Amino acid sequence: MVLLLVVANFSNVLSLFGTGAILAGLLFIALGYAVGWALGGPGADTRLVLGLGTAQRNIAAALVVGGQSFSDPSVVVMVVVVAVVSLLILLPLSRVVARNS
């Protein structure tokens, strides 16, 4: 689904580069991780897991809300781009956390 949305809106995806949208997505992911880590309780393992879980957004729900609430396709494209960026960041981070635990 994500791949089809990227292919169908490829020109919109390319137009995001240079606008600061990717940086905004990265900051959103980092802020989510920081909030989850801060509220994760006293245990280090719990903080790491809650940070990862909070940074990982519900892509399906975001696509439904973005697709139904806005007629501009760039909203859905931004949701997909942030989802892809978060996967590229959080999957390696989760491997590092698993190795160090």
PDB file of N, CA and C in Angstrom:
ATOM      1  N   MET A   1       0.824  -1.186   0.000  1.00  0.00           N
ATOM      2  CA  MET A   1       0.000   0.000   0.000  1.00  0.00           C
ATOM      3  C   MET A   1       0.870   1.253   0.000  1.00  0.00           C
ATOM      4  N   VAL A   2       1.860   1.258   0.877  1.00  0.00           N
ATOM      5  CA  VAL A   2       2.749   2.424   0.959  1.00  0.00           C
ATOM      6  C   VAL A   2       3.503   2.594  -0.353  1.00  0.00           C
ATOM      7  N   LEU A   3       3.991   1.496  -0.919  1.00  0.00           N
ATOM      8  CA  LEU A   3       4.720   1.570  -2.178  1.00  0.00           C
ATOM      9  C   LEU A   3       3.831   2.085  -3.304  1.00  0.00           C
ATOM     10  N   LEU A   4       2.588   1.617  -3.349  1.00  0.00           N
ATOM     11  CA  LEU A   4       1.659   2.095  -4.378  1.00  0.00           C
ATOM     12  C   LEU A   4       1.366   3.579  -4.231  1.00  0.00           C
ATOM     13  N   LEU A   5       1.222   4.049  -3.009  1.00  0.00           N
ATOM     14  CA  LEU A   5       0.980   5.475  -2.796  1.00  0.00           C
ATOM     15  C   LEU A   5       2.182   6.317  -3.218  1.00  0.00           C
ATOM     16  N   VAL A   6       3.378   5.817  -2.951  1.00  0.00           N
ATOM     17  CA  VAL A   6       4.584   6.550  -3.362  1.00  0.00           C
ATOM     18  C   VAL A   6       4.684   6.587  -4.883  1.00  0.00           C
ATOM     19  N   VAL A   7       4.442   5.460  -5.534  1.00  0.00           N
ATOM     20  CA  VAL A   7       4.536   5.403  -7.001  1.00  0.00           C
ATOM     21  C   VAL A   7       3.462   6.275  -7.648  1.00  0.00           C
ATOM     22  N   ALA A   8       2.241   6.203  -7.127  1.00  0.00           N
ATOM     23  CA  ALA A   8       1.139   6.975  -7.722  1.00  0.00           C
ATOM     24  C   ALA A   8       1.328   8.482  -7.541  1.00  0.00           C
ATOM     25  N   ASN A   9       1.999   8.878  -6.482  1.00  0.00           N
ATOM     26  CA  ASN A   9       2.200  10.304  -6.197  1.00  0.00           C
ATOM     27  C   ASN A   9       3.676  10.671  -6.213  1.00  0.00           C
ATOM     28  N   PHE A  10       4.429  10.075  -7.121  1.00  0.00           N
ATOM     29  CA  PHE A  10       5.876  10.247  -7.132  1.00  0.00           C
ATOM     30  C   PHE A  10       6.283  11.712  -7.301  1.00  0.00           C
ATOM     31  N   SER A  11       5.583  12.445  -8.142  1.00  0.00           N
ATOM     32  CA  SER A  11       5.933  13.862  -8.330  1.00  0.00           C
ATOM     33  C   SER A  11       5.696  14.658  -7.048  1.00  0.00           C
ATOM     34  N   ASN A  12       4.641  14.320  -6.309  1.00  0.00           N
ATOM     35  CA  ASN A  12       4.395  14.988  -5.029  1.00  0.00           C
ATOM     36  C   ASN A  12       5.458  14.629  -3.997  1.00  0.00           C
ATOM     37  N   VAL A  13       5.931  13.383  -4.034  1.00  0.00           N
ATOM     38  CA  VAL A  13       6.995  12.969  -3.112  1.00  0.00           C
ATOM     39  C   VAL A  13       8.268  13.743  -3.419  1.00  0.00           C
ATOM     40  N   LEU A  14       8.608  13.857  -4.680  1.00  0.00           N
ATOM     41  CA  LEU A  14       9.806  14.608  -5.061  1.00  0.00           C
ATOM     42  C   LEU A  14       9.697  16.081  -4.698  1.00  0.00           C
ATOM     43  N   SER A  15       8.487  16.629  -4.757  1.00  0.00           N
ATOM     44  CA  SER A  15       8.317  18.046  -4.434  1.00  0.00           C
ATOM     45  C   SER A  15       8.521  18.330  -2.945  1.00  0.00           C
ATOM     46  N   LEU A  16       8.497  17.295  -2.087  1.00  0.00           N
ATOM     47  CA  LEU A  16       8.726  17.496  -0.661  1.00  0.00           C
ATOM     48  C   LEU A  16      10.175  17.789  -0.319  1.00  0.00           C
ATOM     49  N   PHE A  17      11.088  17.327  -1.163  1.00  0.00           N
ATOM     50  CA  PHE A  17      12.514  17.535  -0.892  1.00  0.00           C
ATOM     51  C   PHE A  17      12.853  19.012  -1.035  1.00  0.00           C
ATOM     52  N   GLY A  18      13.558  19.524  -0.048  1.00  0.00           N
ATOM     53  CA  GLY A  18      13.944  20.922  -0.063  1.00  0.00           C
ATOM     54  C   GLY A  18      12.941  21.854   0.592  1.00  0.00           C
ATOM     55  N   THR A  19      11.808  21.315   1.051  1.00  0.00           N
ATOM     56  CA  THR A  19      10.790  22.173   1.660  1.00  0.00           C
ATOM     57  C   THR A  19      10.852  22.167   3.181  1.00  0.00           C
ATOM     58  N   GLY A  20      11.640  21.287   3.743  1.00  0.00           N
ATOM     59  CA  GLY A  20      11.683  21.169   5.194  1.00  0.00           C
ATOM     60  C   GLY A  20      10.695  20.141   5.724  1.00  0.00           C
ATOM     61  N   ALA A  21       9.935  19.511   4.844  1.00  0.00           N
ATOM     62  CA  ALA A  21       8.946  18.522   5.272  1.00  0.00           C
ATOM     63  C   ALA A  21       9.610  17.286   5.856  1.00  0.00           C
ATOM     64  N   ILE A  22      10.716  16.861   5.272  1.00  0.00           N
ATOM     65  CA  ILE A  22      11.430  15.697   5.787  1.00  0.00           C
ATOM     66  C   ILE A  22      11.992  16.011   7.172  1.00  0.00           C
ATOM     67  N   LEU A  23      12.534  17.205   7.331  1.00  0.00           N
ATOM     68  CA  LEU A  23      13.044  17.620   8.635  1.00  0.00           C
ATOM     69  C   LEU A  23      11.925  17.655   9.669  1.00  0.00           C
ATOM     70  N   ALA A  24      10.766  18.134   9.276  1.00  0.00           N
ATOM     71  CA  ALA A  24       9.619  18.153  10.195  1.00  0.00           C
ATOM     72  C   ALA A  24       9.229  16.736  10.598  1.00  0.00           C
ATOM     73  N   GLY A  25       9.266  15.811   9.653  1.00  0.00           N
ATOM     74  CA  GLY A  25       8.982  14.414   9.970  1.00  0.00           C
ATOM     75  C   GLY A  25       9.993  13.829  10.925  1.00  0.00           C
ATOM     76  N   LEU A  26      11.270  14.134  10.699  1.00  0.00           N
ATOM     77  CA  LEU A  26      12.321  13.649  11.595  1.00  0.00           C
ATOM     78  C   LEU A  26      12.154  14.208  13.006  1.00  0.00           C
ATOM     79  N   LEU A  27      11.831  15.484  13.098  1.00  0.00           N
ATOM     80  CA  LEU A  27      11.605  16.092  14.410  1.00  0.00           C
ATOM     81  C   LEU A  27      10.391  15.476  15.106  1.00  0.00           C
ATOM     82  N   PHE A  28       9.362  15.171  14.339  1.00  0.00           N
ATOM     83  CA  PHE A  28       8.168  14.531  14.880  1.00  0.00           C
ATOM     84  C   PHE A  28       8.495  13.154  15.459  1.00  0.00           C
ATOM     85  N   ILE A  29       9.305  12.395  14.739  1.00  0.00           N
ATOM     86  CA  ILE A  29       9.708  11.064  15.206  1.00  0.00           C
ATOM     87  C   ILE A  29      10.575  11.188  16.457  1.00  0.00           C
ATOM     88  N   ALA A  30      11.532  12.104  16.433  1.00  0.00           N
ATOM     89  CA  ALA A  30      12.409  12.292  17.588  1.00  0.00           C
ATOM     90  C   ALA A  30      11.630  12.753  18.815  1.00  0.00           C
ATOM     91  N   LEU A  31      10.678  13.646  18.616  1.00  0.00           N
ATOM     92  CA  LEU A  31       9.861  14.116  19.734  1.00  0.00           C
ATOM     93  C   LEU A  31       9.009  12.980  20.300  1.00  0.00           C
ATOM     94  N   GLY A  32       8.455  12.159  19.431  1.00  0.00           N
ATOM     95  CA  GLY A  32       7.692  10.995  19.895  1.00  0.00           C
ATOM     96  C   GLY A  32       8.534  10.042  20.702  1.00  0.00           C
ATOM     97  N   TYR A  33       9.765   9.799  20.243  1.00  0.00           N
ATOM     98  CA  TYR A  33      10.665   8.920  20.986  1.00  0.00           C
ATOM     99  C   TYR A  33      11.009   9.527  22.345  1.00  0.00           C
ATOM    100  N   ALA A  34      11.285  10.825  22.352  1.00  0.00           N
ATOM    101  CA  ALA A  34      11.666  11.491  23.599  1.00  0.00           C
ATOM    102  C   ALA A  34      10.518  11.466  24.616  1.00  0.00           C
ATOM    103  N   VAL A  35       9.302  11.696  24.164  1.00  0.00           N
ATOM    104  CA  VAL A  35       8.149  11.673  25.076  1.00  0.00           C
ATOM    105  C   VAL A  35       7.936  10.259  25.619  1.00  0.00           C
ATOM    106  N   GLY A  36       8.008   9.262  24.756  1.00  0.00           N
ATOM    107  CA  GLY A  36       7.860   7.882  25.213  1.00  0.00           C
ATOM    108  C   GLY A  36       8.945   7.478  26.185  1.00  0.00           C
ATOM    109  N   TRP A  37      10.177   7.894  25.898  1.00  0.00           N
ATOM    110  CA  TRP A  37      11.282   7.566  26.793  1.00  0.00           C
ATOM    111  C   TRP A  37      11.107   8.263  28.143  1.00  0.00           C
ATOM    112  N   ALA A  38      10.700   9.529  28.119  1.00  0.00           N
ATOM    113  CA  ALA A  38      10.544  10.297  29.360  1.00  0.00           C
ATOM    114  C   ALA A  38       9.427   9.750  30.237  1.00  0.00           C
ATOM    115  N   LEU A  39       8.374   9.239  29.622  1.00  0.00           N
ATOM    116  CA  LEU A  39       7.233   8.726  30.382  1.00  0.00           C
ATOM    117  C   LEU A  39       7.289   7.222  30.586  1.00  0.00           C
ATOM    118  N   GLY A  40       8.420   6.605  30.252  1.00  0.00           N
ATOM    119  CA  GLY A  40       8.551   5.153  30.294  1.00  0.00           C
ATOM    120  C   GLY A  40       8.755   4.536  31.653  1.00  0.00           C
ATOM    121  N   GLY A  41       8.860   5.338  32.673  1.00  0.00           N
ATOM    122  CA  GLY A  41       9.011   4.780  34.010  1.00  0.00           C
ATOM    123  C   GLY A  41      10.462   4.659  34.417  1.00  0.00           C
ATOM    124  N   PRO A  42      10.701   3.991  35.546  1.00  0.00           N
ATOM    125  CA  PRO A  42      12.057   3.942  36.092  1.00  0.00           C
ATOM    126  C   PRO A  42      12.981   2.942  35.392  1.00  0.00           C
ATOM    127  N   GLY A  43      12.441   1.923  34.747  1.00  0.00           N
ATOM    128  CA  GLY A  43      13.284   0.898  34.134  1.00  0.00           C
ATOM    129  C   GLY A  43      13.824   1.328  32.786  1.00  0.00           C
ATOM    130  N   ALA A  44      15.116   1.107  32.562  1.00  0.00           N
ATOM    131  CA  ALA A  44      15.748   1.504  31.297  1.00  0.00           C
ATOM    132  C   ALA A  44      15.153   0.747  30.116  1.00  0.00           C
ATOM    133  N   ASP A  45      14.895  -0.559  30.291  1.00  0.00           N
ATOM    134  CA  ASP A  45      14.311  -1.356  29.205  1.00  0.00           C
ATOM    135  C   ASP A  45      12.922  -0.851  28.843  1.00  0.00           C
ATOM    136  N   THR A  46      12.142  -0.503  29.857  1.00  0.00           N
ATOM    137  CA  THR A  46      10.793  -0.009  29.619  1.00  0.00           C
ATOM    138  C   THR A  46      10.830   1.323  28.882  1.00  0.00           C
ATOM    139  N   ARG A  47      11.745   2.184  29.254  1.00  0.00           N
ATOM    140  CA  ARG A  47      11.862   3.486  28.595  1.00  0.00           C
ATOM    141  C   ARG A  47      12.215   3.327  27.121  1.00  0.00           C
ATOM    142  N   LEU A  48      13.146   2.434  26.816  1.00  0.00           N
ATOM    143  CA  LEU A  48      13.548   2.225  25.427  1.00  0.00           C
ATOM    144  C   LEU A  48      12.393   1.685  24.585  1.00  0.00           C
ATOM    145  N   VAL A  49      11.692   0.722  25.117  1.00  0.00           N
ATOM    146  CA  VAL A  49      10.588   0.120  24.372  1.00  0.00           C
ATOM    147  C   VAL A  49       9.445   1.114  24.192  1.00  0.00           C
ATOM    148  N   LEU A  50       9.105   1.843  25.232  1.00  0.00           N
ATOM    149  CA  LEU A  50       8.033   2.826  25.120  1.00  0.00           C
ATOM    150  C   LEU A  50       8.443   3.962  24.190  1.00  0.00           C
ATOM    151  N   GLY A  51       9.704   4.327  24.180  1.00  0.00           N
ATOM    152  CA  GLY A  51      10.171   5.335  23.229  1.00  0.00           C
ATOM    153  C   GLY A  51       9.995   4.880  21.794  1.00  0.00           C
ATOM    154  N   LEU A  52      10.382   3.641  21.512  1.00  0.00           N
ATOM    155  CA  LEU A  52      10.199   3.104  20.158  1.00  0.00           C
ATOM    156  C   LEU A  52       8.722   3.006  19.793  1.00  0.00           C
ATOM    157  N   GLY A  53       7.916   2.545  20.726  1.00  0.00           N
ATOM    158  CA  GLY A  53       6.482   2.404  20.452  1.00  0.00           C
ATOM    159  C   GLY A  53       5.792   3.728  20.234  1.00  0.00           C
ATOM    160  N   THR A  54       6.240   4.759  20.939  1.00  0.00           N
ATOM    161  CA  THR A  54       5.634   6.069  20.785  1.00  0.00           C
ATOM    162  C   THR A  54       6.089   6.729  19.479  1.00  0.00           C
ATOM    163  N   ALA A  55       7.328   6.535  19.097  1.00  0.00           N
ATOM    164  CA  ALA A  55       7.826   7.116  17.854  1.00  0.00           C
ATOM    165  C   ALA A  55       7.189   6.458  16.633  1.00  0.00           C
ATOM    166  N   GLN A  56       6.827   5.184  16.763  1.00  0.00           N
ATOM    167  CA  GLN A  56       6.182   4.477  15.658  1.00  0.00           C
ATOM    168  C   GLN A  56       4.714   4.870  15.656  1.00  0.00           C
ATOM    169  N   ARG A  57       4.279   5.492  14.607  1.00  0.00           N
ATOM    170  CA  ARG A  57       2.905   5.966  14.532  1.00  0.00           C
ATOM    171  C   ARG A  57       2.028   4.906  13.873  1.00  0.00           C
ATOM    172  N   ASN A  58       0.728   5.019  14.068  1.00  0.00           N
ATOM    173  CA  ASN A  58      -0.226   4.121  13.426  1.00  0.00           C
ATOM    174  C   ASN A  58      -0.456   4.625  12.005  1.00  0.00           C
ATOM    175  N   ILE A  59       0.268   4.038  11.063  1.00  0.00           N
ATOM    176  CA  ILE A  59       0.242   4.499   9.683  1.00  0.00           C
ATOM    177  C   ILE A  59      -1.145   4.328   9.069  1.00  0.00           C
ATOM    178  N   ALA A  60      -1.779   3.212   9.334  1.00  0.00           N
ATOM    179  CA  ALA A  60      -3.096   2.961   8.753  1.00  0.00           C
ATOM    180  C   ALA A  60      -4.117   3.998   9.218  1.00  0.00           C
ATOM    181  N   ALA A  61      -4.132   4.293  10.493  1.00  0.00           N
ATOM    182  CA  ALA A  61      -5.075   5.293  11.002  1.00  0.00           C
ATOM    183  C   ALA A  61      -4.770   6.672  10.434  1.00  0.00           C
ATOM    184  N   ALA A  62      -3.495   7.015  10.334  1.00  0.00           N
ATOM    185  CA  ALA A  62      -3.127   8.318   9.782  1.00  0.00           C
ATOM    186  C   ALA A  62      -3.530   8.433   8.314  1.00  0.00           C
ATOM    187  N   LEU A  63      -3.408   7.343   7.562  1.00  0.00           N
ATOM    188  CA  LEU A  63      -3.825   7.363   6.161  1.00  0.00           C
ATOM    189  C   LEU A  63      -5.336   7.519   6.024  1.00  0.00           C
ATOM    190  N   VAL A  64      -6.076   6.865   6.882  1.00  0.00           N
ATOM    191  CA  VAL A  64      -7.538   7.001   6.837  1.00  0.00           C
ATOM    192  C   VAL A  64      -7.950   8.428   7.146  1.00  0.00           C
ATOM    193  N   VAL A  65      -7.417   8.986   8.219  1.00  0.00           N
ATOM    194  CA  VAL A  65      -7.774  10.356   8.599  1.00  0.00           C
ATOM    195  C   VAL A  65      -7.325  11.347   7.529  1.00  0.00           C
ATOM    196  N   GLY A  66      -6.094  11.206   7.047  1.00  0.00           N
ATOM    197  CA  GLY A  66      -5.591  12.117   6.024  1.00  0.00           C
ATOM    198  C   GLY A  66      -6.353  12.020   4.716  1.00  0.00           C
ATOM    199  N   GLY A  67      -6.711  10.810   4.330  1.00  0.00           N
ATOM    200  CA  GLY A  67      -7.433  10.616   3.074  1.00  0.00           C
ATOM    201  C   GLY A  67      -8.878  11.065   3.132  1.00  0.00           C
ATOM    202  N   GLN A  68      -9.528  10.907   4.273  1.00  0.00           N
ATOM    203  CA  GLN A  68     -10.932  11.269   4.409  1.00  0.00           C
ATOM    204  C   GLN A  68     -11.148  12.734   4.761  1.00  0.00           C
ATOM    205  N   SER A  69     -10.195  13.336   5.448  1.00  0.00           N
ATOM    206  CA  SER A  69     -10.391  14.694   5.938  1.00  0.00           C
ATOM    207  C   SER A  69      -9.875  15.777   4.987  1.00  0.00           C
ATOM    208  N   PHE A  70      -8.973  15.426   4.094  1.00  0.00           N
ATOM    209  CA  PHE A  70      -8.359  16.413   3.217  1.00  0.00           C
ATOM    210  C   PHE A  70      -8.472  15.967   1.773  1.00  0.00           C
ATOM    211  N   SER A  71      -8.755  16.895   0.887  1.00  0.00           N
ATOM    212  CA  SER A  71      -8.837  16.554  -0.536  1.00  0.00           C
ATOM    213  C   SER A  71      -7.481  16.711  -1.234  1.00  0.00           C
ATOM    214  N   ASP A  72      -6.529  17.346  -0.569  1.00  0.00           N
ATOM    215  CA  ASP A  72      -5.200  17.542  -1.129  1.00  0.00           C
ATOM    216  C   ASP A  72      -4.385  16.259  -1.005  1.00  0.00           C
ATOM    217  N   PRO A  73      -3.907  15.698  -2.122  1.00  0.00           N
ATOM    218  CA  PRO A  73      -3.141  14.445  -2.041  1.00  0.00           C
ATOM    219  C   PRO A  73      -1.799  14.598  -1.336  1.00  0.00           C
ATOM    220  N   SER A  74      -1.313  15.813  -1.184  1.00  0.00           N
ATOM    221  CA  SER A  74      -0.020  15.982  -0.517  1.00  0.00           C
ATOM    222  C   SER A  74      -0.090  15.629   0.967  1.00  0.00           C
ATOM    223  N   VAL A  75      -1.279  15.645   1.557  1.00  0.00           N
ATOM    224  CA  VAL A  75      -1.424  15.237   2.960  1.00  0.00           C
ATOM    225  C   VAL A  75      -1.109  13.754   3.100  1.00  0.00           C
ATOM    226  N   VAL A  76      -1.689  12.944   2.238  1.00  0.00           N
ATOM    227  CA  VAL A  76      -1.434  11.501   2.270  1.00  0.00           C
ATOM    228  C   VAL A  76       0.020  11.217   1.919  1.00  0.00           C
ATOM    229  N   VAL A  77       0.563  11.968   0.980  1.00  0.00           N
ATOM    230  CA  VAL A  77       1.966  11.794   0.605  1.00  0.00           C
ATOM    231  C   VAL A  77       2.875  12.088   1.796  1.00  0.00           C
ATOM    232  N   MET A  78       2.575  13.136   2.537  1.00  0.00           N
ATOM    233  CA  MET A  78       3.388  13.465   3.710  1.00  0.00           C
ATOM    234  C   MET A  78       3.297  12.373   4.767  1.00  0.00           C
ATOM    235  N   VAL A  79       2.111  11.819   4.975  1.00  0.00           N
ATOM    236  CA  VAL A  79       1.948  10.717   5.930  1.00  0.00           C
ATOM    237  C   VAL A  79       2.799   9.525   5.491  1.00  0.00           C
ATOM    238  N   VAL A  80       2.781   9.215   4.217  1.00  0.00           N
ATOM    239  CA  VAL A  80       3.548   8.082   3.702  1.00  0.00           C
ATOM    240  C   VAL A  80       5.047   8.349   3.816  1.00  0.00           C
ATOM    241  N   VAL A  81       5.480   9.557   3.499  1.00  0.00           N
ATOM    242  CA  VAL A  81       6.905   9.874   3.588  1.00  0.00           C
ATOM    243  C   VAL A  81       7.389   9.789   5.034  1.00  0.00           C
ATOM    244  N   VAL A  82       6.620  10.309   5.970  1.00  0.00           N
ATOM    245  CA  VAL A  82       7.002  10.213   7.385  1.00  0.00           C
ATOM    246  C   VAL A  82       7.006   8.754   7.822  1.00  0.00           C
ATOM    247  N   ALA A  83       6.082   7.947   7.324  1.00  0.00           N
ATOM    248  CA  ALA A  83       6.052   6.525   7.665  1.00  0.00           C
ATOM    249  C   ALA A  83       7.304   5.817   7.156  1.00  0.00           C
ATOM    250  N   VAL A  84       7.706   6.117   5.943  1.00  0.00           N
ATOM    251  CA  VAL A  84       8.904   5.490   5.380  1.00  0.00           C
ATOM    252  C   VAL A  84      10.149   5.948   6.142  1.00  0.00           C
ATOM    253  N   VAL A  85      10.236   7.238   6.433  1.00  0.00           N
ATOM    254  CA  VAL A  85      11.386   7.757   7.178  1.00  0.00           C
ATOM    255  C   VAL A  85      11.443   7.130   8.565  1.00  0.00           C
ATOM    256  N   SER A  86      10.287   6.997   9.206  1.00  0.00           N
ATOM    257  CA  SER A  86      10.283   6.397  10.542  1.00  0.00           C
ATOM    258  C   SER A  86      10.717   4.934  10.499  1.00  0.00           C
ATOM    259  N   LEU A  87      10.303   4.209   9.474  1.00  0.00           N
ATOM    260  CA  LEU A  87      10.753   2.821   9.346  1.00  0.00           C
ATOM    261  C   LEU A  87      12.265   2.755   9.138  1.00  0.00           C
ATOM    262  N   LEU A  88      12.789   3.661   8.329  1.00  0.00           N
ATOM    263  CA  LEU A  88      14.231   3.668   8.066  1.00  0.00           C
ATOM    264  C   LEU A  88      15.043   4.028   9.305  1.00  0.00           C
ATOM    265  N   ILE A  89      14.451   4.763  10.223  1.00  0.00           N
ATOM    266  CA  ILE A  89      15.156   5.148  11.447  1.00  0.00           C
ATOM    267  C   ILE A  89      14.909   4.146  12.573  1.00  0.00           C
ATOM    268  N   LEU A  90      13.660   3.758  12.762  1.00  0.00           N
ATOM    269  CA  LEU A  90      13.308   2.959  13.937  1.00  0.00           C
ATOM    270  C   LEU A  90      13.691   1.487  13.822  1.00  0.00           C
ATOM    271  N   LEU A  91      13.698   0.921  12.629  1.00  0.00           N
ATOM    272  CA  LEU A  91      14.102  -0.485  12.503  1.00  0.00           C
ATOM    273  C   LEU A  91      15.567  -0.693  12.893  1.00  0.00           C
ATOM    274  N   PRO A  92      16.508   0.092  12.357  1.00  0.00           N
ATOM    275  CA  PRO A  92      17.894  -0.083  12.832  1.00  0.00           C
ATOM    276  C   PRO A  92      18.062   0.249  14.313  1.00  0.00           C
ATOM    277  N   LEU A  93      17.337   1.263  14.782  1.00  0.00           N
ATOM    278  CA  LEU A  93      17.416   1.611  16.209  1.00  0.00           C
ATOM    279  C   LEU A  93      16.917   0.465  17.085  1.00  0.00           C
ATOM    280  N   SER A  94      15.875  -0.208  16.655  1.00  0.00           N
ATOM    281  CA  SER A  94      15.357  -1.335  17.445  1.00  0.00           C
ATOM    282  C   SER A  94      16.365  -2.490  17.458  1.00  0.00           C
ATOM    283  N   ARG A  95      17.102  -2.692  16.373  1.00  0.00           N
ATOM    284  CA  ARG A  95      18.143  -3.726  16.356  1.00  0.00           C
ATOM    285  C   ARG A  95      19.271  -3.384  17.323  1.00  0.00           C
ATOM    286  N   VAL A  96      19.649  -2.110  17.375  1.00  0.00           N
ATOM    287  CA  VAL A  96      20.695  -1.678  18.296  1.00  0.00           C
ATOM    288  C   VAL A  96      20.228  -1.870  19.735  1.00  0.00           C
ATOM    289  N   VAL A  97      18.994  -1.510  20.013  1.00  0.00           N
ATOM    290  CA  VAL A  97      18.451  -1.670  21.369  1.00  0.00           C
ATOM    291  C   VAL A  97      18.389  -3.144  21.736  1.00  0.00           C
ATOM    292  N   ALA A  98      17.981  -4.005  20.792  1.00  0.00           N
ATOM    293  CA  ALA A  98      17.890  -5.439  21.084  1.00  0.00           C
ATOM    294  C   ALA A  98      19.271  -6.041  21.340  1.00  0.00           C
ATOM    295  N   ARG A  99      20.274  -5.592  20.609  1.00  0.00           N
ATOM    296  CA  ARG A  99      21.622  -6.103  20.795  1.00  0.00           C
ATOM    297  C   ARG A  99      22.205  -5.693  22.143  1.00  0.00           C
ATOM    298  N   ASN A 100      21.872  -4.494  22.571  1.00  0.00           N
ATOM    299  CA  ASN A 100      22.429  -3.978  23.820  1.00  0.00           C
ATOM    300  C   ASN A 100      21.656  -4.412  25.055  1.00  0.00           C
ATOM    301  N   SER A 101      20.528  -5.061  24.873  1.00  0.00           N
ATOM    302  CA  SER A 101      19.722  -5.485  26.039  1.00  0.00           C
ATOM    303  C   SER A 101      20.133  -6.854  26.525  1.00  0.00           C
TER     304      SER A 101
END
